[in-house]
PDB file of N, CA and C in Angstrom:
ATOM      1  N   MET A   1     131.327  28.078 167.304  1.00  0.00           N
ATOM      2  CA  MET A   1     132.325  27.168 167.800  1.00  0.00           C
ATOM      3  C   MET A   1     133.578  27.324 166.957  1.00  0.00           C
ATOM      4  N   GLY A   2     134.710  27.470 167.598  1.00  0.00           N
ATOM      5  CA  GLY A   2     135.965  27.696 166.912  1.00  0.00           C
ATOM      6  C   GLY A   2     136.571  26.425 166.371  1.00  0.00           C
ATOM      7  N   SER A   3     137.667  26.599 165.670  1.00  0.00           N
ATOM      8  CA  SER A   3     138.371  25.462 165.104  1.00  0.00           C
ATOM      9  C   SER A   3     139.123  24.724 166.201  1.00  0.00           C
ATOM     10  N   LEU A   4     139.217  23.418 166.068  1.00  0.00           N
ATOM     11  CA  LEU A   4     139.945  22.623 167.049  1.00  0.00           C
ATOM     12  C   LEU A   4     141.450  22.780 166.894  1.00  0.00           C
ATOM     13  N   ASN A   5     141.901  23.162 165.711  1.00  0.00           N
ATOM     14  CA  ASN A   5     143.318  23.328 165.450  1.00  0.00           C
ATOM     15  C   ASN A   5     143.549  24.753 164.944  1.00  0.00           C
ATOM     16  N   PRO A   6     143.817  25.706 165.851  1.00  0.00           N
ATOM     17  CA  PRO A   6     143.954  27.098 165.402  1.00  0.00           C
ATOM     18  C   PRO A   6     145.156  27.315 164.504  1.00  0.00           C
ATOM     19  N   VAL A   7     146.241  26.530 164.694  1.00  0.00           N
ATOM     20  CA  VAL A   7     147.414  26.699 163.842  1.00  0.00           C
ATOM     21  C   VAL A   7     147.082  26.278 162.419  1.00  0.00           C
ATOM     22  N   GLY A   8     146.341  25.180 162.276  1.00  0.00           N
ATOM     23  CA  GLY A   8     145.955  24.712 160.948  1.00  0.00           C
ATOM     24  C   GLY A   8     145.047  25.694 160.237  1.00  0.00           C
ATOM     25  N   SER A   9     144.131  26.306 160.981  1.00  0.00           N
ATOM     26  CA  SER A   9     143.225  27.250 160.337  1.00  0.00           C
ATOM     27  C   SER A   9     143.965  28.518 159.915  1.00  0.00           C
ATOM     28  N   VAL A  10     144.948  28.945 160.708  1.00  0.00           N
ATOM     29  CA  VAL A  10     145.752  30.110 160.327  1.00  0.00           C
ATOM     30  C   VAL A  10     146.573  29.785 159.088  1.00  0.00           C
ATOM     31  N   PHE A  11     147.153  28.578 159.050  1.00  0.00           N
ATOM     32  CA  PHE A  11     147.938  28.159 157.897  1.00  0.00           C
ATOM     33  C   PHE A  11     147.058  28.071 156.650  1.00  0.00           C
ATOM     34  N   THR A  12     145.885  27.489 156.801  1.00  0.00           N
ATOM     35  CA  THR A  12     144.975  27.350 155.669  1.00  0.00           C
ATOM     36  C   THR A  12     144.537  28.708 155.146  1.00  0.00           C
ATOM     37  N   SER A  13     144.204  29.626 156.043  1.00  0.00           N
ATOM     38  CA  SER A  13     143.783  30.947 155.581  1.00  0.00           C
ATOM     39  C   SER A  13     144.943  31.697 154.933  1.00  0.00           C
ATOM     40  N   ALA A  14     146.166  31.492 155.424  1.00  0.00           N
ATOM     41  CA  ALA A  14     147.322  32.142 154.808  1.00  0.00           C
ATOM     42  C   ALA A  14     147.566  31.595 153.406  1.00  0.00           C
ATOM     43  N   VAL A  15     147.448  30.283 153.247  1.00  0.00           N
ATOM     44  CA  VAL A  15     147.653  29.678 151.930  1.00  0.00           C
ATOM     45  C   VAL A  15     146.561  30.128 150.962  1.00  0.00           C
ATOM     46  N   MET A  16     145.310  30.138 151.418  1.00  0.00           N
ATOM     47  CA  MET A  16     144.220  30.571 150.546  1.00  0.00           C
ATOM     48  C   MET A  16     144.359  32.053 150.184  1.00  0.00           C
ATOM     49  N   GLY A  17     144.827  32.867 151.118  1.00  0.00           N
ATOM     50  CA  GLY A  17     145.062  34.272 150.817  1.00  0.00           C
ATOM     51  C   GLY A  17     146.140  34.447 149.766  1.00  0.00           C
ATOM     52  N   TYR A  18     147.216  33.638 149.861  1.00  0.00           N
ATOM     53  CA  TYR A  18     148.280  33.686 148.863  1.00  0.00           C
ATOM     54  C   TYR A  18     147.751  33.267 147.491  1.00  0.00           C
ATOM     55  N   LEU A  19     146.940  32.207 147.473  1.00  0.00           N
ATOM     56  CA  LEU A  19     146.412  31.743 146.198  1.00  0.00           C
ATOM     57  C   LEU A  19     145.506  32.784 145.556  1.00  0.00           C
ATOM     58  N   ARG A  20     144.695  33.455 146.343  1.00  0.00           N
ATOM     59  CA  ARG A  20     143.796  34.470 145.783  1.00  0.00           C
ATOM     60  C   ARG A  20     144.562  35.696 145.302  1.00  0.00           C
ATOM     61  N   ARG A  21     145.640  36.054 146.000  1.00  0.00           N
ATOM     62  CA  ARG A  21     146.402  37.244 145.617  1.00  0.00           C
ATOM     63  C   ARG A  21     147.364  36.957 144.481  1.00  0.00           C
ATOM     64  N   GLY A  22     147.997  35.790 144.491  1.00  0.00           N
ATOM     65  CA  GLY A  22     149.048  35.532 143.525  1.00  0.00           C
ATOM     66  C   GLY A  22     148.657  34.576 142.422  1.00  0.00           C
ATOM     67  N   LEU A  23     148.558  33.313 142.768  1.00  0.00           N
ATOM     68  CA  LEU A  23     148.360  32.279 141.763  1.00  0.00           C
ATOM     69  C   LEU A  23     146.992  32.363 141.098  1.00  0.00           C
ATOM     70  N   LEU A  24     145.955  32.602 141.873  1.00  0.00           N
ATOM     71  CA  LEU A  24     144.597  32.649 141.337  1.00  0.00           C
ATOM     72  C   LEU A  24     144.065  34.068 141.191  1.00  0.00           C
ATOM     73  N   ALA A  25     144.944  35.054 141.200  1.00  0.00           N
ATOM     74  CA  ALA A  25     144.502  36.450 141.103  1.00  0.00           C
ATOM     75  C   ALA A  25     143.878  36.696 139.734  1.00  0.00           C
ATOM     76  N   ARG A  26     142.721  37.312 139.743  1.00  0.00           N
ATOM     77  CA  ARG A  26     142.018  37.622 138.505  1.00  0.00           C
ATOM     78  C   ARG A  26     141.642  39.094 138.514  1.00  0.00           C
ATOM     79  N   PRO A  27     141.713  39.737 137.354  1.00  0.00           N
ATOM     80  CA  PRO A  27     141.403  41.170 137.314  1.00  0.00           C
ATOM     81  C   PRO A  27     139.911  41.433 137.444  1.00  0.00           C
ATOM     82  N   VAL A  28     139.594  42.673 137.719  1.00  0.00           N
ATOM     83  CA  VAL A  28     138.203  43.124 137.794  1.00  0.00           C
ATOM     84  C   VAL A  28     137.671  43.260 136.370  1.00  0.00           C
ATOM     85  N   CYS A  29     136.396  42.971 136.183  1.00  0.00           N
ATOM     86  CA  CYS A  29     135.777  43.068 134.858  1.00  0.00           C
ATOM     87  C   CYS A  29     135.827  44.522 134.369  1.00  0.00           C
ATOM     88  N   PRO A  30     136.363  44.783 133.162  1.00  0.00           N
ATOM     89  CA  PRO A  30     136.424  46.163 132.675  1.00  0.00           C
ATOM     90  C   PRO A  30     135.062  46.716 132.249  1.00  0.00           C
ATOM     91  N   ASP A  31     134.073  45.852 132.071  1.00  0.00           N
ATOM     92  CA  ASP A  31     132.766  46.323 131.614  1.00  0.00           C
ATOM     93  C   ASP A  31     131.843  46.679 132.773  1.00  0.00           C
ATOM     94  N   CYS A  32     131.690  45.757 133.750  1.00  0.00           N
ATOM     95  CA  CYS A  32     130.742  46.017 134.843  1.00  0.00           C
ATOM     96  C   CYS A  32     131.428  46.252 136.189  1.00  0.00           C
ATOM     97  N   GLY A  33     132.739  46.021 136.289  1.00  0.00           N
ATOM     98  CA  GLY A  33     133.463  46.259 137.531  1.00  0.00           C
ATOM     99  C   GLY A  33     133.325  45.152 138.561  1.00  0.00           C
ATOM    100  N   SER A  34     132.805  44.003 138.183  1.00  0.00           N
ATOM    101  CA  SER A  34     132.604  42.895 139.115  1.00  0.00           C
ATOM    102  C   SER A  34     133.930  42.189 139.405  1.00  0.00           C
ATOM    103  N   LYS A  35     134.065  41.671 140.619  1.00  0.00           N
ATOM    104  CA  LYS A  35     135.237  40.875 140.985  1.00  0.00           C
ATOM    105  C   LYS A  35     134.982  39.388 140.798  1.00  0.00           C
ATOM    106  N   ASN A  36     133.782  39.021 140.362  1.00  0.00           N
ATOM    107  CA  ASN A  36     133.403  37.631 140.161  1.00  0.00           C
ATOM    108  C   ASN A  36     133.835  37.202 138.762  1.00  0.00           C
ATOM    109  N   THR A  37     135.138  36.972 138.583  1.00  0.00           N
ATOM    110  CA  THR A  37     135.679  36.612 137.281  1.00  0.00           C
ATOM    111  C   THR A  37     136.366  35.257 137.369  1.00  0.00           C
ATOM    112  N   ALA A  38     136.577  34.644 136.225  1.00  0.00           N
ATOM    113  CA  ALA A  38     137.276  33.366 136.127  1.00  0.00           C
ATOM    114  C   ALA A  38     138.075  33.373 134.835  1.00  0.00           C
ATOM    115  N   THR A  39     138.953  32.402 134.695  1.00  0.00           N
ATOM    116  CA  THR A  39     139.670  32.289 133.434  1.00  0.00           C
ATOM    117  C   THR A  39     138.749  31.652 132.412  1.00  0.00           C
ATOM    118  N   GLY A  40     138.889  32.060 131.165  1.00  0.00           N
ATOM    119  CA  GLY A  40     138.043  31.513 130.110  1.00  0.00           C
ATOM    120  C   GLY A  40     138.242  30.024 129.925  1.00  0.00           C
ATOM    121  N   ARG A  41     139.473  29.551 130.110  1.00  0.00           N
ATOM    122  CA  ARG A  41     139.763  28.125 129.965  1.00  0.00           C
ATOM    123  C   ARG A  41     139.038  27.311 131.029  1.00  0.00           C
ATOM    124  N   LEU A  42     138.963  27.841 132.242  1.00  0.00           N
ATOM    125  CA  LEU A  42     138.268  27.136 133.320  1.00  0.00           C
ATOM    126  C   LEU A  42     136.776  27.017 133.024  1.00  0.00           C
ATOM    127  N   VAL A  43     136.198  28.046 132.445  1.00  0.00           N
ATOM    128  CA  VAL A  43     134.777  28.006 132.087  1.00  0.00           C
ATOM    129  C   VAL A  43     134.538  26.956 131.008  1.00  0.00           C
ATOM    130  N   LYS A  44     135.413  26.906 129.994  1.00  0.00           N
ATOM    131  CA  LYS A  44     135.256  25.919 128.926  1.00  0.00           C
ATOM    132  C   LYS A  44     135.456  24.499 129.443  1.00  0.00           C
ATOM    133  N   LEU A  45     136.433  24.284 130.324  1.00  0.00           N
ATOM    134  CA  LEU A  45     136.643  22.946 130.881  1.00  0.00           C
ATOM    135  C   LEU A  45     135.450  22.507 131.718  1.00  0.00           C
ATOM    136  N   GLY A  46     134.915  23.420 132.511  1.00  0.00           N
ATOM    137  CA  GLY A  46     133.747  23.084 133.327  1.00  0.00           C
ATOM    138  C   GLY A  46     132.547  22.717 132.473  1.00  0.00           C
ATOM    139  N   ALA A  47     132.327  23.456 131.399  1.00  0.00           N
ATOM    140  CA  ALA A  47     131.195  23.152 130.516  1.00  0.00           C
ATOM    141  C   ALA A  47     131.406  21.823 129.802  1.00  0.00           C
ATOM    142  N   GLY A  48     132.622  21.576 129.341  1.00  0.00           N
ATOM    143  CA  GLY A  48     132.898  20.319 128.637  1.00  0.00           C
ATOM    144  C   GLY A  48     132.767  19.107 129.535  1.00  0.00           C
ATOM    145  N   PHE A  49     133.313  19.200 130.749  1.00  0.00           N
ATOM    146  CA  PHE A  49     133.188  18.078 131.680  1.00  0.00           C
ATOM    147  C   PHE A  49     131.744  17.901 132.130  1.00  0.00           C
ATOM    148  N   GLY A  50     131.027  18.999 132.271  1.00  0.00           N
ATOM    149  CA  GLY A  50     129.625  18.893 132.677  1.00  0.00           C
ATOM    150  C   GLY A  50     128.789  18.172 131.636  1.00  0.00           C
ATOM    151  N   VAL A  51     128.982  18.517 130.375  1.00  0.00           N
ATOM    152  CA  VAL A  51     128.211  17.866 129.314  1.00  0.00           C
ATOM    153  C   VAL A  51     128.693  16.432 129.110  1.00  0.00           C
ATOM    154  N   GLY A  52     130.003  16.253 129.033  1.00  0.00           N
ATOM    155  CA  GLY A  52     130.533  14.927 128.720  1.00  0.00           C
ATOM    156  C   GLY A  52     130.357  13.913 129.827  1.00  0.00           C
ATOM    157  N   ILE A  53     130.846  14.221 131.003  1.00  0.00           N
ATOM    158  CA  ILE A  53     130.856  13.236 132.084  1.00  0.00           C
ATOM    159  C   ILE A  53     129.500  13.159 132.781  1.00  0.00           C
ATOM    160  N   VAL A  54     128.968  14.287 133.208  1.00  0.00           N
ATOM    161  CA  VAL A  54     127.691  14.266 133.931  1.00  0.00           C
ATOM    162  C   VAL A  54     126.565  13.807 133.004  1.00  0.00           C
ATOM    163  N   GLY A  55     126.567  14.277 131.774  1.00  0.00           N
ATOM    164  CA  GLY A  55     125.551  13.825 130.822  1.00  0.00           C
ATOM    165  C   GLY A  55     125.646  12.341 130.535  1.00  0.00           C
ATOM    166  N   SER A  56     126.873  11.810 130.450  1.00  0.00           N
ATOM    167  CA  SER A  56     127.040  10.377 130.212  1.00  0.00           C
ATOM    168  C   SER A  56     126.555   9.553 131.394  1.00  0.00           C
ATOM    169  N   ILE A  57     126.819  10.021 132.595  1.00  0.00           N
ATOM    170  CA  ILE A  57     126.342   9.298 133.782  1.00  0.00           C
ATOM    171  C   ILE A  57     124.813   9.293 133.821  1.00  0.00           C
ATOM    172  N   LEU A  58     124.203  10.422 133.497  1.00  0.00           N
ATOM    173  CA  LEU A  58     122.735  10.473 133.477  1.00  0.00           C
ATOM    174  C   LEU A  58     122.159   9.556 132.398  1.00  0.00           C
ATOM    175  N   CYS A  59     122.793   9.505 131.227  1.00  0.00           N
ATOM    176  CA  CYS A  59     122.312   8.606 130.179  1.00  0.00           C
ATOM    177  C   CYS A  59     122.546   7.152 130.551  1.00  0.00           C
ATOM    178  N   TYR A  60     123.617   6.865 131.269  1.00  0.00           N
ATOM    179  CA  TYR A  60     123.856   5.500 131.737  1.00  0.00           C
ATOM    180  C   TYR A  60     122.764   5.067 132.710  1.00  0.00           C
ATOM    181  N   LEU A  61     122.398   5.966 133.625  1.00  0.00           N
ATOM    182  CA  LEU A  61     121.326   5.639 134.565  1.00  0.00           C
ATOM    183  C   LEU A  61     119.980   5.551 133.855  1.00  0.00           C
ATOM    184  N   LEU A  62     119.762   6.401 132.858  1.00  0.00           N
ATOM    185  CA  LEU A  62     118.538   6.336 132.074  1.00  0.00           C
ATOM    186  C   LEU A  62     118.472   5.035 131.280  1.00  0.00           C
ATOM    187  N   GLY A  63     119.627   4.487 130.929  1.00  0.00           N
ATOM    188  CA  GLY A  63     119.683   3.252 130.156  1.00  0.00           C
ATOM    189  C   GLY A  63     119.109   2.049 130.863  1.00  0.00           C
ATOM    190  N   PHE A  64     118.981   2.093 132.165  1.00  0.00           N
ATOM    191  CA  PHE A  64     118.348   0.983 132.874  1.00  0.00           C
ATOM    192  C   PHE A  64     116.854   0.925 132.575  1.00  0.00           C
ATOM    193  N   PHE A  65     116.237   2.061 132.274  1.00  0.00           N
ATOM    194  CA  PHE A  65     114.806   2.109 131.982  1.00  0.00           C
ATOM    195  C   PHE A  65     114.534   2.190 130.478  1.00  0.00           C
ATOM    196  N   TYR A  66     115.408   2.854 129.761  1.00  0.00           N
ATOM    197  CA  TYR A  66     115.236   3.051 128.323  1.00  0.00           C
ATOM    198  C   TYR A  66     116.587   2.761 127.665  1.00  0.00           C
ATOM    199  N   PRO A  67     116.778   1.532 127.143  1.00  0.00           N
ATOM    200  CA  PRO A  67     118.118   1.109 126.682  1.00  0.00           C
ATOM    201  C   PRO A  67     118.728   1.978 125.591  1.00  0.00           C
ATOM    202  N   LEU A  68     117.919   2.661 124.789  1.00  0.00           N
ATOM    203  CA  LEU A  68     118.505   3.495 123.737  1.00  0.00           C
ATOM    204  C   LEU A  68     119.197   4.736 124.302  1.00  0.00           C
ATOM    205  N   GLY A  69     118.962   5.048 125.575  1.00  0.00           N
ATOM    206  CA  GLY A  69     119.641   6.179 126.199  1.00  0.00           C
ATOM    207  C   GLY A  69     121.140   5.985 126.278  1.00  0.00           C
ATOM    208  N   ARG A  70     121.570   4.721 126.357  1.00  0.00           N
ATOM    209  CA  ARG A  70     123.015   4.443 126.431  1.00  0.00           C
ATOM    210  C   ARG A  70     123.722   4.687 125.103  1.00  0.00           C
ATOM    211  N   LEU A  71     122.975   4.731 124.020  1.00  0.00           N
ATOM    212  CA  LEU A  71     123.598   5.025 122.727  1.00  0.00           C
ATOM    213  C   LEU A  71     124.118   6.455 122.659  1.00  0.00           C
ATOM    214  N   MET A  72     123.609   7.323 123.485  1.00  0.00           N
ATOM    215  CA  MET A  72     124.037   8.727 123.462  1.00  0.00           C
ATOM    216  C   MET A  72     125.349   8.963 124.200  1.00  0.00           C
ATOM    217  N   ILE A  73     125.816   8.006 124.978  1.00  0.00           N
ATOM    218  CA  ILE A  73     127.016   8.211 125.797  1.00  0.00           C
ATOM    219  C   ILE A  73     128.232   8.585 124.950  1.00  0.00           C
ATOM    220  N   PRO A  74     128.575   7.849 123.862  1.00  0.00           N
ATOM    221  CA  PRO A  74     129.755   8.271 123.081  1.00  0.00           C
ATOM    222  C   PRO A  74     129.607   9.658 122.471  1.00  0.00           C
ATOM    223  N   PHE A  75     128.388  10.002 122.052  1.00  0.00           N
ATOM    224  CA  PHE A  75     128.170  11.326 121.466  1.00  0.00           C
ATOM    225  C   PHE A  75     128.340  12.432 122.511  1.00  0.00           C
ATOM    226  N   LEU A  76     127.858  12.181 123.721  1.00  0.00           N
ATOM    227  CA  LEU A  76     128.018  13.174 124.789  1.00  0.00           C
ATOM    228  C   LEU A  76     129.486  13.343 125.169  1.00  0.00           C
ATOM    229  N   LEU A  77     130.232  12.233 125.230  1.00  0.00           N
ATOM    230  CA  LEU A  77     131.661  12.332 125.547  1.00  0.00           C
ATOM    231  C   LEU A  77     132.408  13.097 124.454  1.00  0.00           C
ATOM    232  N   LEU A  78     132.077  12.829 123.203  1.00  0.00           N
ATOM    233  CA  LEU A  78     132.721  13.541 122.098  1.00  0.00           C
ATOM    234  C   LEU A  78     132.358  15.024 122.112  1.00  0.00           C
ATOM    235  N   PHE A  79     131.089  15.336 122.313  1.00  0.00           N
ATOM    236  CA  PHE A  79     130.660  16.731 122.351  1.00  0.00           C
ATOM    237  C   PHE A  79     131.287  17.464 123.536  1.00  0.00           C
ATOM    238  N   GLY A  80     131.382  16.804 124.695  1.00  0.00           N
ATOM    239  CA  GLY A  80     132.028  17.411 125.858  1.00  0.00           C
ATOM    240  C   GLY A  80     133.503  17.671 125.613  1.00  0.00           C
ATOM    241  N   ALA A  81     134.184  16.729 124.931  1.00  0.00           N
ATOM    242  CA  ALA A  81     135.604  16.931 124.611  1.00  0.00           C
ATOM    243  C   ALA A  81     135.781  18.094 123.644  1.00  0.00           C
ATOM    244  N   LEU A  82     134.882  18.205 122.664  1.00  0.00           N
ATOM    245  CA  LEU A  82     134.964  19.336 121.734  1.00  0.00           C
ATOM    246  C   LEU A  82     134.726  20.660 122.447  1.00  0.00           C
ATOM    247  N   MET A  83     133.795  20.677 123.389  1.00  0.00           N
ATOM    248  CA  MET A  83     133.559  21.911 124.150  1.00  0.00           C
ATOM    249  C   MET A  83     134.771  22.277 124.999  1.00  0.00           C
ATOM    250  N   ALA A  84     135.451  21.270 125.551  1.00  0.00           N
ATOM    251  CA  ALA A  84     136.571  21.536 126.444  1.00  0.00           C
ATOM    252  C   ALA A  84     137.811  22.012 125.693  1.00  0.00           C
ATOM    253  N   ILE A  85     138.015  21.545 124.447  1.00  0.00           N
ATOM    254  CA  ILE A  85     139.260  21.896 123.757  1.00  0.00           C
ATOM    255  C   ILE A  85     139.131  23.109 122.846  1.00  0.00           C
ATOM    256  N   THR A  86     137.921  23.564 122.554  1.00  0.00           N
ATOM    257  CA  THR A  86     137.796  24.761 121.719  1.00  0.00           C
ATOM    258  C   THR A  86     138.273  25.981 122.502  1.00  0.00           C
ATOM    259  N   PRO A  87     138.948  26.902 121.843  1.00  0.00           N
ATOM    260  CA  PRO A  87     139.451  28.071 122.573  1.00  0.00           C
ATOM    261  C   PRO A  87     138.318  28.988 123.017  1.00  0.00           C
ATOM    262  N   SER A  88     138.535  29.647 124.130  1.00  0.00           N
ATOM    263  CA  SER A  88     137.523  30.572 124.638  1.00  0.00           C
ATOM    264  C   SER A  88     137.644  31.916 123.920  1.00  0.00           C
ATOM    265  N   LEU A  89     136.677  32.782 124.151  1.00  0.00           N
ATOM    266  CA  LEU A  89     136.666  34.086 123.489  1.00  0.00           C
ATOM    267  C   LEU A  89     137.747  35.017 124.021  1.00  0.00           C
ATOM    268  N   GLY A  90     138.162  34.848 125.261  1.00  0.00           N
ATOM    269  CA  GLY A  90     139.194  35.686 125.858  1.00  0.00           C
ATOM    270  C   GLY A  90     139.853  34.964 127.012  1.00  0.00           C
ATOM    271  N   LYS A  91     140.895  35.566 127.555  1.00  0.00           N
ATOM    272  CA  LYS A  91     141.615  34.922 128.647  1.00  0.00           C
ATOM    273  C   LYS A  91     140.798  34.922 129.932  1.00  0.00           C
ATOM    274  N   TYR A  92     140.029  35.975 130.179  1.00  0.00           N
ATOM    275  CA  TYR A  92     139.228  36.069 131.403  1.00  0.00           C
ATOM    276  C   TYR A  92     137.754  36.193 131.056  1.00  0.00           C
ATOM    277  N   CYS A  93     136.906  35.751 131.982  1.00  0.00           N
ATOM    278  CA  CYS A  93     135.460  35.779 131.790  1.00  0.00           C
ATOM    279  C   CYS A  93     134.811  36.327 133.048  1.00  0.00           C
ATOM    280  N   CYS A  94     133.850  37.233 132.875  1.00  0.00           N
ATOM    281  CA  CYS A  94     133.076  37.763 133.996  1.00  0.00           C
ATOM    282  C   CYS A  94     131.842  36.892 134.184  1.00  0.00           C
ATOM    283  N   MET A  95     131.630  36.414 135.390  1.00  0.00           N
ATOM    284  CA  MET A  95     130.483  35.549 135.660  1.00  0.00           C
ATOM    285  C   MET A  95     129.181  36.340 135.790  1.00  0.00           C
ATOM    286  N   ASP A  96     129.263  37.639 136.027  1.00  0.00           N
ATOM    287  CA  ASP A  96     128.055  38.446 136.206  1.00  0.00           C
ATOM    288  C   ASP A  96     127.486  38.947 134.879  1.00  0.00           C
ATOM    289  N   CYS A  97     128.339  39.511 134.016  1.00  0.00           N
ATOM    290  CA  CYS A  97     127.827  40.083 132.764  1.00  0.00           C
ATOM    291  C   CYS A  97     128.203  39.256 131.538  1.00  0.00           C
ATOM    292  N   ASP A  98     128.882  38.116 131.717  1.00  0.00           N
ATOM    293  CA  ASP A  98     129.217  37.186 130.638  1.00  0.00           C
ATOM    294  C   ASP A  98     130.086  37.839 129.567  1.00  0.00           C
ATOM    295  N   ALA A  99     131.076  38.615 129.990  1.00  0.00           N
ATOM    296  CA  ALA A  99     131.993  39.273 129.065  1.00  0.00           C
ATOM    297  C   ALA A  99     133.342  38.554 129.091  1.00  0.00           C
ATOM    298  N   TYR A 100     133.960  38.410 127.924  1.00  0.00           N
ATOM    299  CA  TYR A 100     135.297  37.833 127.801  1.00  0.00           C
ATOM    300  C   TYR A 100     136.245  38.936 127.356  1.00  0.00           C
ATOM    301  N   TRP A 101     137.467  38.942 127.900  1.00  0.00           N
ATOM    302  CA  TRP A 101     138.444  39.947 127.507  1.00  0.00           C
ATOM    303  C   TRP A 101     139.848  39.416 127.747  1.00  0.00           C
ATOM    304  N   ASN A 102     140.819  40.062 127.104  1.00  0.00           N
ATOM    305  CA  ASN A 102     142.235  39.781 127.309  1.00  0.00           C
ATOM    306  C   ASN A 102     142.832  40.934 128.101  1.00  0.00           C
ATOM    307  N   PRO A 103     143.786  40.649 129.001  1.00  0.00           N
ATOM    308  CA  PRO A 103     144.347  41.737 129.809  1.00  0.00           C
ATOM    309  C   PRO A 103     145.163  42.738 128.984  1.00  0.00           C
ATOM    310  N   GLU A 104     145.648  42.321 127.814  1.00  0.00           N
ATOM    311  CA  GLU A 104     146.429  43.247 126.988  1.00  0.00           C
ATOM    312  C   GLU A 104     145.535  44.319 126.368  1.00  0.00           C
ATOM    313  N   THR A 105     144.300  43.958 126.034  1.00  0.00           N
ATOM    314  CA  THR A 105     143.350  44.897 125.423  1.00  0.00           C
ATOM    315  C   THR A 105     142.028  44.854 126.192  1.00  0.00           C
ATOM    316  N   PRO A 106     141.959  45.482 127.370  1.00  0.00           N
ATOM    317  CA  PRO A 106     140.716  45.407 128.148  1.00  0.00           C
ATOM    318  C   PRO A 106     139.564  46.207 127.550  1.00  0.00           C
ATOM    319  N   GLU A 107     139.844  47.087 126.576  1.00  0.00           N
ATOM    320  CA  GLU A 107     138.742  47.844 125.974  1.00  0.00           C
ATOM    321  C   GLU A 107     137.967  47.004 124.955  1.00  0.00           C
ATOM    322  N   THR A 108     138.547  45.898 124.481  1.00  0.00           N
ATOM    323  CA  THR A 108     137.869  45.000 123.546  1.00  0.00           C
ATOM    324  C   THR A 108     137.205  43.884 124.335  1.00  0.00           C
ATOM    325  N   ILE A 109     135.873  43.821 124.267  1.00  0.00           N
ATOM    326  CA  ILE A 109     135.110  42.832 125.036  1.00  0.00           C
ATOM    327  C   ILE A 109     134.270  42.010 124.073  1.00  0.00           C
ATOM    328  N   TRP A 110     134.317  40.683 124.252  1.00  0.00           N
ATOM    329  CA  TRP A 110     133.495  39.779 123.449  1.00  0.00           C
ATOM    330  C   TRP A 110     132.396  39.213 124.327  1.00  0.00           C
ATOM    331  N   ARG A 111     131.244  39.013 123.724  1.00  0.00           N
ATOM    332  CA  ARG A 111     130.111  38.398 124.434  1.00  0.00           C
ATOM    333  C   ARG A 111     129.506  37.311 123.555  1.00  0.00           C
ATOM    334  N   PRO A 112     129.201  36.150 124.148  1.00  0.00           N
ATOM    335  CA  PRO A 112     128.510  35.128 123.361  1.00  0.00           C
ATOM    336  C   PRO A 112     127.051  35.488 123.102  1.00  0.00           C
ATOM    337  N   ARG A 113     126.486  36.360 123.907  1.00  0.00           N
ATOM    338  CA  ARG A 113     125.102  36.834 123.728  1.00  0.00           C
ATOM    339  C   ARG A 113     125.006  38.226 124.352  1.00  0.00           C
ATOM    340  N   PRO A 114     124.018  39.015 123.967  1.00  0.00           N
ATOM    341  CA  PRO A 114     123.879  40.352 124.548  1.00  0.00           C
ATOM    342  C   PRO A 114     123.609  40.284 126.055  1.00  0.00           C
ATOM    343  N   PRO A 115     124.038  41.294 126.822  1.00  0.00           N
ATOM    344  CA  PRO A 115     123.803  41.256 128.269  1.00  0.00           C
ATOM    345  C   PRO A 115     122.318  41.347 128.600  1.00  0.00           C
ATOM    346  N   GLY A 116     121.937  40.661 129.648  1.00  0.00           N
ATOM    347  CA  GLY A 116     120.560  40.699 130.109  1.00  0.00           C
ATOM    348  C   GLY A 116     119.681  39.607 129.555  1.00  0.00           C
ATOM    349  N   ILE A 117     120.215  38.768 128.679  1.00  0.00           N
ATOM    350  CA  ILE A 117     119.397  37.678 128.112  1.00  0.00           C
ATOM    351  C   ILE A 117     119.614  36.427 128.934  1.00  0.00           C
TER     352      ILE A 117
END
């Protein structure tokens, strides 16, 4: 079944194409050649918000059954903030092989752990 508004879908696909080519364009991984890359800052923000906010919500819900679970909320928020503000290993990150690199020196690759683990 097609879209009810073909003009809107054409506009949306044009905008998304522009974002992928220009604003959100990311290079190919120099180590494995994958196109599944992200910015290192985005990975750190996602991890920090995941630990801080999602972990705090889970501890809040756990606090209804086990009240000491709510004591962990400030620690989770602090740990999530620390994860979000620490600098990443490189400007770009490959989601497939977990490699970080800078576009100025693509031959230098950092890894938080060896590949395949």
